[in-house]
Amino acid sequence: MIIKNNAIELKLKSIPKHIAIIMDGNGRWAKSKRLPRAIGHQNGVKSVQLISELCSELKVEYLTLYTLSLENFSRPKLELKSLMSLLSSTIKSEIKKMKDNNIQFNVIGFRDKLPKKINNQLDSAIFETRNNDGLKLNLALAYGSRSELIYAINKLIKEIMDKNLNINDINEDLVSKNLFTNNIPDPDLLIRTGGENRLSNFLLWQSAYTEFYFSNKYWPDFGKEDFYQALRDFQNRERRFGRVKL
């Protein structure tokens, strides 16, 4: 089946199973309009809502959004406070929408870095949407991929020291099972907005064979046509995973 958006055609059978997005450019979007950075983050939430709805419509199974990195905690206290307030109000307002749209909510990251109130709200959203079997929406909060890998390594070392694991049994599957994404398949497509062409410590292990798509649009300006363009670009690529096509 083929669906169209203006001149862009997509094959539904070739839609990525898992899409990851680095939502970059909220602050620069606000600065370009001489607005406070907080307004940029608020408009970024609207883009999250739009892309989540589109993923649900297209039957994407997993959507992982880089929402707050460990490095973001070094930002000015006032901006961090604003981000936490926005996160809190967004979770509260979106729970019903996620239930109505059959979206299952989850979080990956070092949640002990987050305020107790935020964690309680996250737990509530996870619980309330646990039985939904549509799009699985994952927010990467207080997340850093290098720290995640160290976390996994430490877990494996403890298993070895407790004599529950032989060092020769460690393989790629075992490492993957000890990451925050242990129940999530590796992303097929990773989109980054904002004109930067780097991973910024996001899903380093998981993105070994991921297709990358970089957009110059700031995240608040990244709309339906931009998303469809990223998907069409993905569908025009040949994924060989190191093999030769016969």
C-alpha atoms as a PDB file:
ATOM      1  CA  MET A   1       0.000   0.000   0.000  1.00  0.00           C
ATOM      2  CA  ILE A   2       1.245   3.483  -0.903  1.00  0.00           C
ATOM      3  CA  ILE A   3       0.294   6.667   0.931  1.00  0.00           C
ATOM      4  CA  LYS A   4       0.906  10.200  -0.335  1.00  0.00           C
ATOM      5  CA  ASN A   5       1.637  13.568   1.211  1.00  0.00           C
ATOM      6  CA  ASN A   6       1.798  16.168  -1.540  1.00  0.00           C
ATOM      7  CA  ALA A   7       4.441  14.773  -3.936  1.00  0.00           C
ATOM      8  CA  ILE A   8       5.927  12.349  -1.393  1.00  0.00           C
ATOM      9  CA  GLU A   9       4.932   8.702  -1.679  1.00  0.00           C
ATOM     10  CA  LEU A  10       5.605   6.149   1.052  1.00  0.00           C
ATOM     11  CA  LYS A  11       5.354   2.377   1.000  1.00  0.00           C
ATOM     12  CA  LEU A  12       3.620   1.290   4.185  1.00  0.00           C
ATOM     13  CA  LYS A  13       5.349  -2.095   4.177  1.00  0.00           C
ATOM     14  CA  SER A  14       8.738  -0.307   4.290  1.00  0.00           C
ATOM     15  CA  ILE A  15       8.001   2.018   7.210  1.00  0.00           C
ATOM     16  CA  PRO A  16      10.780   1.808   9.843  1.00  0.00           C
ATOM     17  CA  LYS A  17       9.911  -0.356  12.830  1.00  0.00           C
ATOM     18  CA  HIS A  18      11.811   1.913  15.234  1.00  0.00           C
ATOM     19  CA  ILE A  19      12.501   5.613  14.722  1.00  0.00           C
ATOM     20  CA  ALA A  20      14.761   7.581  17.062  1.00  0.00           C
ATOM     21  CA  ILE A  21      14.904  11.383  17.019  1.00  0.00           C
ATOM     22  CA  ILE A  22      17.374  13.921  18.392  1.00  0.00           C
ATOM     23  CA  MET A  23      15.061  16.919  18.772  1.00  0.00           C
ATOM     24  CA  ASP A  24      17.567  19.729  18.341  1.00  0.00           C
ATOM     25  CA  GLY A  25      17.076  23.436  17.836  1.00  0.00           C
ATOM     26  CA  ASN A  26      14.398  24.556  20.295  1.00  0.00           C
ATOM     27  CA  GLY A  27      16.612  27.250  21.823  1.00  0.00           C
ATOM     28  CA  ARG A  28      17.942  28.492  18.484  1.00  0.00           C
ATOM     29  CA  TRP A  29      14.408  28.578  17.093  1.00  0.00           C
ATOM     30  CA  ALA A  30      13.398  30.863  19.969  1.00  0.00           C
ATOM     31  CA  LYS A  31      16.512  33.011  19.589  1.00  0.00           C
ATOM     32  CA  SER A  32      15.829  33.488  15.865  1.00  0.00           C
ATOM     33  CA  LYS A  33      12.444  34.910  16.809  1.00  0.00           C
ATOM     34  CA  ARG A  34      13.785  36.921  19.756  1.00  0.00           C
ATOM     35  CA  LEU A  35      11.763  34.839  22.176  1.00  0.00           C
ATOM     36  CA  PRO A  36      12.759  33.227  25.504  1.00  0.00           C
ATOM     37  CA  ARG A  37      14.272  29.744  25.194  1.00  0.00           C
ATOM     38  CA  ALA A  38      11.348  28.394  27.223  1.00  0.00           C
ATOM     39  CA  ILE A  39       9.002  29.299  24.367  1.00  0.00           C
ATOM     40  CA  GLY A  40      11.163  27.244  22.035  1.00  0.00           C
ATOM     41  CA  HIS A  41      10.831  24.201  24.281  1.00  0.00           C
ATOM     42  CA  GLN A  42       7.058  24.706  24.488  1.00  0.00           C
ATOM     43  CA  ASN A  43       6.787  24.746  20.704  1.00  0.00           C
ATOM     44  CA  GLY A  44       9.016  21.692  20.599  1.00  0.00           C
ATOM     45  CA  VAL A  45       6.330  19.810  22.544  1.00  0.00           C
ATOM     46  CA  LYS A  46       3.877  20.538  19.720  1.00  0.00           C
ATOM     47  CA  SER A  47       6.257  18.849  17.286  1.00  0.00           C
ATOM     48  CA  VAL A  48       6.454  15.833  19.614  1.00  0.00           C
ATOM     49  CA  GLN A  49       2.663  15.588  19.561  1.00  0.00           C
ATOM     50  CA  LEU A  50       2.549  15.844  15.757  1.00  0.00           C
ATOM     51  CA  ILE A  51       5.286  13.278  15.077  1.00  0.00           C
ATOM     52  CA  SER A  52       3.825  10.869  17.648  1.00  0.00           C
ATOM     53  CA  GLU A  53       0.443  11.085  15.925  1.00  0.00           C
ATOM     54  CA  LEU A  54       2.025  10.506  12.514  1.00  0.00           C
ATOM     55  CA  CYS A  55       3.941   7.476  13.818  1.00  0.00           C
ATOM     56  CA  SER A  56       0.702   6.042  15.193  1.00  0.00           C
ATOM     57  CA  GLU A  57      -1.042   6.563  11.849  1.00  0.00           C
ATOM     58  CA  LEU A  58       1.824   4.944   9.928  1.00  0.00           C
ATOM     59  CA  LYS A  59       1.979   1.957  12.318  1.00  0.00           C
ATOM     60  CA  VAL A  60       5.531   2.708  13.464  1.00  0.00           C
ATOM     61  CA  GLU A  61       6.087   0.349  16.395  1.00  0.00           C
ATOM     62  CA  TYR A  62       8.687   2.308  18.413  1.00  0.00           C
ATOM     63  CA  LEU A  63       9.515   6.000  18.688  1.00  0.00           C
ATOM     64  CA  THR A  64      12.419   7.054  20.940  1.00  0.00           C
ATOM     65  CA  LEU A  65      12.915  10.762  21.610  1.00  0.00           C
ATOM     66  CA  TYR A  66      16.105  12.268  23.050  1.00  0.00           C
ATOM     67  CA  THR A  67      14.383  14.546  25.529  1.00  0.00           C
ATOM     68  CA  LEU A  68      16.971  15.360  28.205  1.00  0.00           C
ATOM     69  CA  SER A  69      20.625  14.322  28.174  1.00  0.00           C
ATOM     70  CA  LEU A  70      22.922  13.993  31.169  1.00  0.00           C
ATOM     71  CA  GLU A  71      24.906  16.869  29.677  1.00  0.00           C
ATOM     72  CA  ASN A  72      21.783  19.059  29.758  1.00  0.00           C
ATOM     73  CA  PHE A  73      22.031  19.123  33.563  1.00  0.00           C
ATOM     74  CA  SER A  74      24.925  21.574  33.189  1.00  0.00           C
ATOM     75  CA  ARG A  75      22.593  24.180  31.703  1.00  0.00           C
ATOM     76  CA  PRO A  76      21.614  27.284  33.726  1.00  0.00           C
ATOM     77  CA  LYS A  77      19.428  26.451  36.732  1.00  0.00           C
ATOM     78  CA  LEU A  78      16.604  28.671  35.516  1.00  0.00           C
ATOM     79  CA  GLU A  79      16.414  26.845  32.180  1.00  0.00           C
ATOM     80  CA  LEU A  80      16.548  23.450  33.901  1.00  0.00           C
ATOM     81  CA  LYS A  81      13.730  24.501  36.217  1.00  0.00           C
ATOM     82  CA  SER A  82      11.711  25.607  33.193  1.00  0.00           C
ATOM     83  CA  LEU A  83      12.391  22.282  31.422  1.00  0.00           C
ATOM     84  CA  MET A  84      11.282  20.271  34.465  1.00  0.00           C
ATOM     85  CA  SER A  85       8.125  22.356  34.789  1.00  0.00           C
ATOM     86  CA  LEU A  86       7.333  21.834  31.101  1.00  0.00           C
ATOM     87  CA  LEU A  87       8.022  18.098  31.406  1.00  0.00           C
ATOM     88  CA  SER A  88       5.733  17.851  34.426  1.00  0.00           C
ATOM     89  CA  SER A  89       2.835  19.695  32.804  1.00  0.00           C
ATOM     90  CA  THR A  90       3.260  17.797  29.518  1.00  0.00           C
ATOM     91  CA  ILE A  91       3.167  14.374  31.195  1.00  0.00           C
ATOM     92  CA  LYS A  92       0.043  15.366  33.086  1.00  0.00           C
ATOM     93  CA  SER A  93      -1.764  16.636  29.991  1.00  0.00           C
ATOM     94  CA  GLU A  94      -0.686  13.828  27.655  1.00  0.00           C
ATOM     95  CA  ILE A  95      -1.644  10.737  29.674  1.00  0.00           C
ATOM     96  CA  LYS A  96      -5.269  10.779  28.510  1.00  0.00           C
ATOM     97  CA  LYS A  97      -4.242  11.396  24.886  1.00  0.00           C
ATOM     98  CA  MET A  98      -1.822   8.468  25.011  1.00  0.00           C
ATOM     99  CA  LYS A  99      -4.540   6.220  26.425  1.00  0.00           C
ATOM    100  CA  ASP A 100      -7.020   7.376  23.788  1.00  0.00           C
ATOM    101  CA  ASN A 101      -4.476   6.870  20.981  1.00  0.00           C
ATOM    102  CA  ASN A 102      -3.362   3.429  22.204  1.00  0.00           C
ATOM    103  CA  ILE A 103       0.207   4.644  22.885  1.00  0.00           C
ATOM    104  CA  GLN A 104       2.349   2.779  25.410  1.00  0.00           C
ATOM    105  CA  PHE A 105       4.701   5.099  27.298  1.00  0.00           C
ATOM    106  CA  ASN A 106       8.160   4.285  28.632  1.00  0.00           C
ATOM    107  CA  VAL A 107      11.334   6.032  29.825  1.00  0.00           C
ATOM    108  CA  ILE A 108      15.015   5.185  29.402  1.00  0.00           C
ATOM    109  CA  GLY A 109      17.805   6.877  31.322  1.00  0.00           C
ATOM    110  CA  PHE A 110      19.185   7.513  34.794  1.00  0.00           C
ATOM    111  CA  ARG A 111      15.922   8.409  36.466  1.00  0.00           C
ATOM    112  CA  ASP A 112      17.562   8.912  39.863  1.00  0.00           C
ATOM    113  CA  LYS A 113      18.806  12.236  38.443  1.00  0.00           C
ATOM    114  CA  LEU A 114      15.217  13.475  38.074  1.00  0.00           C
ATOM    115  CA  PRO A 115      13.070  15.116  40.772  1.00  0.00           C
ATOM    116  CA  LYS A 116      10.808  12.815  42.787  1.00  0.00           C
ATOM    117  CA  LYS A 117       7.666  14.572  41.519  1.00  0.00           C
ATOM    118  CA  ILE A 118       8.689  13.963  37.900  1.00  0.00           C
ATOM    119  CA  ASN A 119       9.454  10.311  38.581  1.00  0.00           C
ATOM    120  CA  ASN A 120       6.066   9.825  40.230  1.00  0.00           C
ATOM    121  CA  GLN A 121       4.354  11.301  37.185  1.00  0.00           C
ATOM    122  CA  LEU A 122       6.433   9.136  34.854  1.00  0.00           C
ATOM    123  CA  ASP A 123       5.501   6.020  36.838  1.00  0.00           C
ATOM    124  CA  SER A 124       1.847   6.997  36.626  1.00  0.00           C
ATOM    125  CA  ALA A 125       2.029   7.478  32.830  1.00  0.00           C
ATOM    126  CA  ILE A 126       3.826   4.143  32.399  1.00  0.00           C
ATOM    127  CA  PHE A 127       1.231   2.371  34.547  1.00  0.00           C
ATOM    128  CA  GLU A 128      -1.780   4.022  32.916  1.00  0.00           C
ATOM    129  CA  THR A 129      -0.637   3.103  29.382  1.00  0.00           C
ATOM    130  CA  ARG A 130       0.848  -0.339  30.142  1.00  0.00           C
ATOM    131  CA  ASN A 131      -1.917  -2.261  28.351  1.00  0.00           C
ATOM    132  CA  ASN A 132      -1.848  -0.186  25.157  1.00  0.00           C
ATOM    133  CA  ASP A 133      -0.532  -2.161  22.191  1.00  0.00           C
ATOM    134  CA  GLY A 134      -0.031   0.582  19.606  1.00  0.00           C
ATOM    135  CA  LEU A 135       2.989   2.881  19.255  1.00  0.00           C
ATOM    136  CA  LYS A 136       5.578   2.434  22.006  1.00  0.00           C
ATOM    137  CA  LEU A 137       6.784   5.925  22.865  1.00  0.00           C
ATOM    138  CA  ASN A 138      10.107   6.060  24.730  1.00  0.00           C
ATOM    139  CA  LEU A 139      11.487   9.257  26.230  1.00  0.00           C
ATOM    140  CA  ALA A 140      15.238   9.328  26.840  1.00  0.00           C
ATOM    141  CA  LEU A 141      15.458  11.354  30.049  1.00  0.00           C
ATOM    142  CA  ALA A 142      18.679  11.988  31.981  1.00  0.00           C
ATOM    143  CA  TYR A 143      20.198   9.767  29.316  1.00  0.00           C
ATOM    144  CA  GLY A 144      23.776   9.408  28.125  1.00  0.00           C
ATOM    145  CA  SER A 145      24.921   6.502  25.990  1.00  0.00           C
ATOM    146  CA  ARG A 146      28.481   6.264  27.343  1.00  0.00           C
ATOM    147  CA  SER A 147      27.162   6.177  30.910  1.00  0.00           C
ATOM    148  CA  GLU A 148      24.621   3.572  29.834  1.00  0.00           C
ATOM    149  CA  LEU A 149      27.422   1.369  28.485  1.00  0.00           C
ATOM    150  CA  ILE A 150      29.410   1.740  31.724  1.00  0.00           C
ATOM    151  CA  TYR A 151      26.250   0.848  33.638  1.00  0.00           C
ATOM    152  CA  ALA A 152      25.867  -2.335  31.544  1.00  0.00           C
ATOM    153  CA  ILE A 153      29.542  -3.247  31.967  1.00  0.00           C
ATOM    154  CA  ASN A 154      29.300  -2.859  35.737  1.00  0.00           C
ATOM    155  CA  LYS A 155      26.259  -5.136  35.815  1.00  0.00           C
ATOM    156  CA  LEU A 156      28.141  -7.799  33.863  1.00  0.00           C
ATOM    157  CA  ILE A 157      31.224  -7.471  36.098  1.00  0.00           C
ATOM    158  CA  LYS A 158      29.049  -7.992  39.168  1.00  0.00           C
ATOM    159  CA  GLU A 159      27.532 -11.104  37.593  1.00  0.00           C
ATOM    160  CA  ILE A 160      31.040 -12.456  36.972  1.00  0.00           C
ATOM    161  CA  MET A 161      32.185 -11.651  40.513  1.00  0.00           C
ATOM    162  CA  ASP A 162      29.087 -13.348  41.925  1.00  0.00           C
ATOM    163  CA  LYS A 163      29.999 -16.362  39.757  1.00  0.00           C
ATOM    164  CA  ASN A 164      26.662 -16.155  37.937  1.00  0.00           C
ATOM    165  CA  LEU A 165      28.373 -15.496  34.627  1.00  0.00           C
ATOM    166  CA  ASN A 166      31.461 -16.744  32.826  1.00  0.00           C
ATOM    167  CA  ILE A 167      33.490 -14.017  31.122  1.00  0.00           C
ATOM    168  CA  ASN A 168      33.619 -16.105  27.934  1.00  0.00           C
ATOM    169  CA  ASP A 169      29.814 -15.991  27.741  1.00  0.00           C
ATOM    170  CA  ILE A 170      29.747 -12.239  27.162  1.00  0.00           C
ATOM    171  CA  ASN A 171      28.578 -11.423  23.632  1.00  0.00           C
ATOM    172  CA  GLU A 172      26.696  -8.677  21.802  1.00  0.00           C
ATOM    173  CA  ASP A 173      23.278 -10.037  22.773  1.00  0.00           C
ATOM    174  CA  LEU A 174      24.221 -10.085  26.456  1.00  0.00           C
ATOM    175  CA  VAL A 175      25.481  -6.504  26.353  1.00  0.00           C
ATOM    176  CA  SER A 176      22.262  -5.403  24.615  1.00  0.00           C
ATOM    177  CA  LYS A 177      20.163  -7.124  27.268  1.00  0.00           C
ATOM    178  CA  ASN A 178      21.859  -5.064  29.979  1.00  0.00           C
ATOM    179  CA  LEU A 179      21.186  -1.688  28.368  1.00  0.00           C
ATOM    180  CA  PHE A 180      18.162   0.512  29.123  1.00  0.00           C
ATOM    181  CA  THR A 181      16.819  -0.491  25.697  1.00  0.00           C
ATOM    182  CA  ASN A 182      16.824  -4.236  26.453  1.00  0.00           C
ATOM    183  CA  ASN A 183      13.174  -4.618  25.372  1.00  0.00           C
ATOM    184  CA  ILE A 184      13.456  -2.256  22.401  1.00  0.00           C
ATOM    185  CA  PRO A 185      14.829  -3.200  18.954  1.00  0.00           C
ATOM    186  CA  ASP A 186      17.695  -1.130  17.584  1.00  0.00           C
ATOM    187  CA  PRO A 187      16.499   1.936  15.636  1.00  0.00           C
ATOM    188  CA  ASP A 188      16.124   1.568  11.876  1.00  0.00           C
ATOM    189  CA  LEU A 189      16.149   5.325  11.331  1.00  0.00           C
ATOM    190  CA  LEU A 190      17.613   8.123  13.430  1.00  0.00           C
ATOM    191  CA  ILE A 191      16.539  11.677  12.617  1.00  0.00           C
ATOM    192  CA  ARG A 192      18.360  14.733  13.920  1.00  0.00           C
ATOM    193  CA  THR A 193      17.016  18.243  13.427  1.00  0.00           C
ATOM    194  CA  GLY A 194      18.727  21.589  13.936  1.00  0.00           C
ATOM    195  CA  GLY A 195      21.474  21.317  11.325  1.00  0.00           C
ATOM    196  CA  GLU A 196      23.978  19.365  13.451  1.00  0.00           C
ATOM    197  CA  ASN A 197      25.437  16.109  12.090  1.00  0.00           C
ATOM    198  CA  ARG A 198      26.427  14.127  15.177  1.00  0.00           C
ATOM    199  CA  LEU A 199      24.957  11.618  17.648  1.00  0.00           C
ATOM    200  CA  SER A 200      25.669  13.639  20.807  1.00  0.00           C
ATOM    201  CA  ASN A 201      25.979  10.568  23.034  1.00  0.00           C
ATOM    202  CA  PHE A 202      22.632   9.082  21.972  1.00  0.00           C
ATOM    203  CA  LEU A 203      22.143   5.327  21.407  1.00  0.00           C
ATOM    204  CA  LEU A 204      25.774   4.748  20.412  1.00  0.00           C
ATOM    205  CA  TRP A 205      25.664   0.949  20.724  1.00  0.00           C
ATOM    206  CA  GLN A 206      22.135   0.642  19.353  1.00  0.00           C
ATOM    207  CA  SER A 207      22.840   2.740  16.246  1.00  0.00           C
ATOM    208  CA  ALA A 208      25.592   0.540  14.781  1.00  0.00           C
ATOM    209  CA  TYR A 209      23.499  -0.183  11.655  1.00  0.00           C
ATOM    210  CA  THR A 210      20.965   2.624  11.888  1.00  0.00           C
ATOM    211  CA  GLU A 211      20.277   4.889   8.904  1.00  0.00           C
ATOM    212  CA  PHE A 212      20.836   8.584   9.740  1.00  0.00           C
ATOM    213  CA  TYR A 213      18.851  11.524   8.421  1.00  0.00           C
ATOM    214  CA  PHE A 214      19.891  15.091   9.237  1.00  0.00           C
ATOM    215  CA  SER A 215      17.567  18.059   8.792  1.00  0.00           C
ATOM    216  CA  ASN A 216      18.484  21.741   8.896  1.00  0.00           C
ATOM    217  CA  LYS A 217      15.033  22.558  10.275  1.00  0.00           C
ATOM    218  CA  TYR A 218      14.816  23.466  13.953  1.00  0.00           C
ATOM    219  CA  TRP A 219      12.696  20.961  15.842  1.00  0.00           C
ATOM    220  CA  PRO A 220       9.678  23.305  16.327  1.00  0.00           C
ATOM    221  CA  ASP A 221       9.586  23.785  12.520  1.00  0.00           C
ATOM    222  CA  PHE A 222       9.906  20.064  11.703  1.00  0.00           C
ATOM    223  CA  GLY A 223       6.480  19.217  10.283  1.00  0.00           C
ATOM    224  CA  LYS A 224       4.608  16.478   8.486  1.00  0.00           C
ATOM    225  CA  GLU A 225       6.235  17.049   5.088  1.00  0.00           C
ATOM    226  CA  ASP A 226       9.711  17.037   6.670  1.00  0.00           C
ATOM    227  CA  PHE A 227       8.932  13.764   8.435  1.00  0.00           C
ATOM    228  CA  TYR A 228       7.621  12.183   5.260  1.00  0.00           C
ATOM    229  CA  GLN A 229      10.758  13.329   3.420  1.00  0.00           C
ATOM    230  CA  ALA A 230      12.917  11.589   6.032  1.00  0.00           C
ATOM    231  CA  LEU A 231      10.890   8.398   5.609  1.00  0.00           C
ATOM    232  CA  ARG A 232      11.111   8.525   1.822  1.00  0.00           C
ATOM    233  CA  ASP A 233      14.858   9.040   2.052  1.00  0.00           C
ATOM    234  CA  PHE A 234      15.026   5.949   4.297  1.00  0.00           C
ATOM    235  CA  GLN A 235      12.970   3.891   1.877  1.00  0.00           C
ATOM    236  CA  ASN A 236      15.267   4.801  -1.011  1.00  0.00           C
ATOM    237  CA  ARG A 237      18.306   3.352   0.756  1.00  0.00           C
ATOM    238  CA  GLU A 238      19.596  -0.196   0.485  1.00  0.00           C
ATOM    239  CA  ARG A 239      20.349  -1.720   3.888  1.00  0.00           C
ATOM    240  CA  ARG A 240      22.927  -4.516   3.563  1.00  0.00           C
ATOM    241  CA  PHE A 241      24.237  -4.735   7.161  1.00  0.00           C
ATOM    242  CA  GLY A 242      27.753  -5.427   5.904  1.00  0.00           C
ATOM    243  CA  ARG A 243      26.639  -8.070   3.434  1.00  0.00           C
ATOM    244  CA  VAL A 244      26.770  -8.027  -0.378  1.00  0.00           C
ATOM    245  CA  LYS A 245      23.473  -8.095  -2.226  1.00  0.00           C
ATOM    246  CA  LEU A 246      23.337 -11.095  -4.568  1.00  0.00           C
END
